[in-house]
C-alpha atoms as a PDB file:
ATOM      1  CA  UNK A   1      26.654   6.928 -23.444  1.00  0.00           C
ATOM      2  CA  UNK A   2      27.203  10.631 -24.400  1.00  0.00           C
ATOM      3  CA  UNK A   3      23.875  12.891 -23.630  1.00  0.00           C
ATOM      4  CA  UNK A   4      23.625  15.272 -26.969  1.00  0.00           C
ATOM      5  CA  UNK A   5      24.812  18.541 -25.450  1.00  0.00           C
ATOM      6  CA  UNK A   6      22.118  19.804 -23.064  1.00  0.00           C
ATOM      7  CA  UNK A   7      19.375  22.440 -24.009  1.00  0.00           C
ATOM      8  CA  UNK A   8      18.181  25.263 -21.949  1.00  0.00           C
ATOM      9  CA  UNK A   9      14.758  25.299 -24.393  1.00  0.00           C
ATOM     10  CA  UNK A  10      11.910  25.269 -22.075  1.00  0.00           C
ATOM     11  CA  UNK A  11      11.347  21.544 -24.501  1.00  0.00           C
ATOM     12  CA  UNK A  12      14.016  20.234 -22.252  1.00  0.00           C
ATOM     13  CA  UNK A  13      12.225  21.779 -19.005  1.00  0.00           C
ATOM     14  CA  UNK A  14       9.528  20.435 -19.749  1.00  0.00           C
ATOM     15  CA  UNK A  15      10.980  16.758 -20.398  1.00  0.00           C
ATOM     16  CA  UNK A  16      12.778  17.161 -17.623  1.00  0.00           C
ATOM     17  CA  UNK A  17       9.717  18.106 -15.106  1.00  0.00           C
ATOM     18  CA  UNK A  18       7.518  15.467 -17.095  1.00  0.00           C
ATOM     19  CA  UNK A  19       9.951  12.659 -16.093  1.00  0.00           C
ATOM     20  CA  UNK A  20      10.252  13.554 -12.356  1.00  0.00           C
ATOM     21  CA  UNK A  21       6.359  13.758 -12.635  1.00  0.00           C
ATOM     22  CA  UNK A  22       6.570  10.196 -13.159  1.00  0.00           C
ATOM     23  CA  UNK A  23       8.951   8.954 -11.072  1.00  0.00           C
ATOM     24  CA  UNK A  24       7.107  10.358  -8.306  1.00  0.00           C
ATOM     25  CA  UNK A  25       4.238   8.650 -10.015  1.00  0.00           C
ATOM     26  CA  UNK A  26       5.567   5.334  -9.359  1.00  0.00           C
ATOM     27  CA  UNK A  27       6.890   6.058  -5.938  1.00  0.00           C
ATOM     28  CA  UNK A  28       3.393   6.594  -5.440  1.00  0.00           C
ATOM     29  CA  UNK A  29       1.908   3.487  -7.093  1.00  0.00           C
ATOM     30  CA  UNK A  30       4.854   1.287  -5.567  1.00  0.00           C
END
């Protein structure tokens, strides 16, 4: 699966940060 052209917009950065936070929270919960 190829990801759409990478975007350097703030939206993409925000999504990445959110994903990181979710992952960290999951690890903590676990």
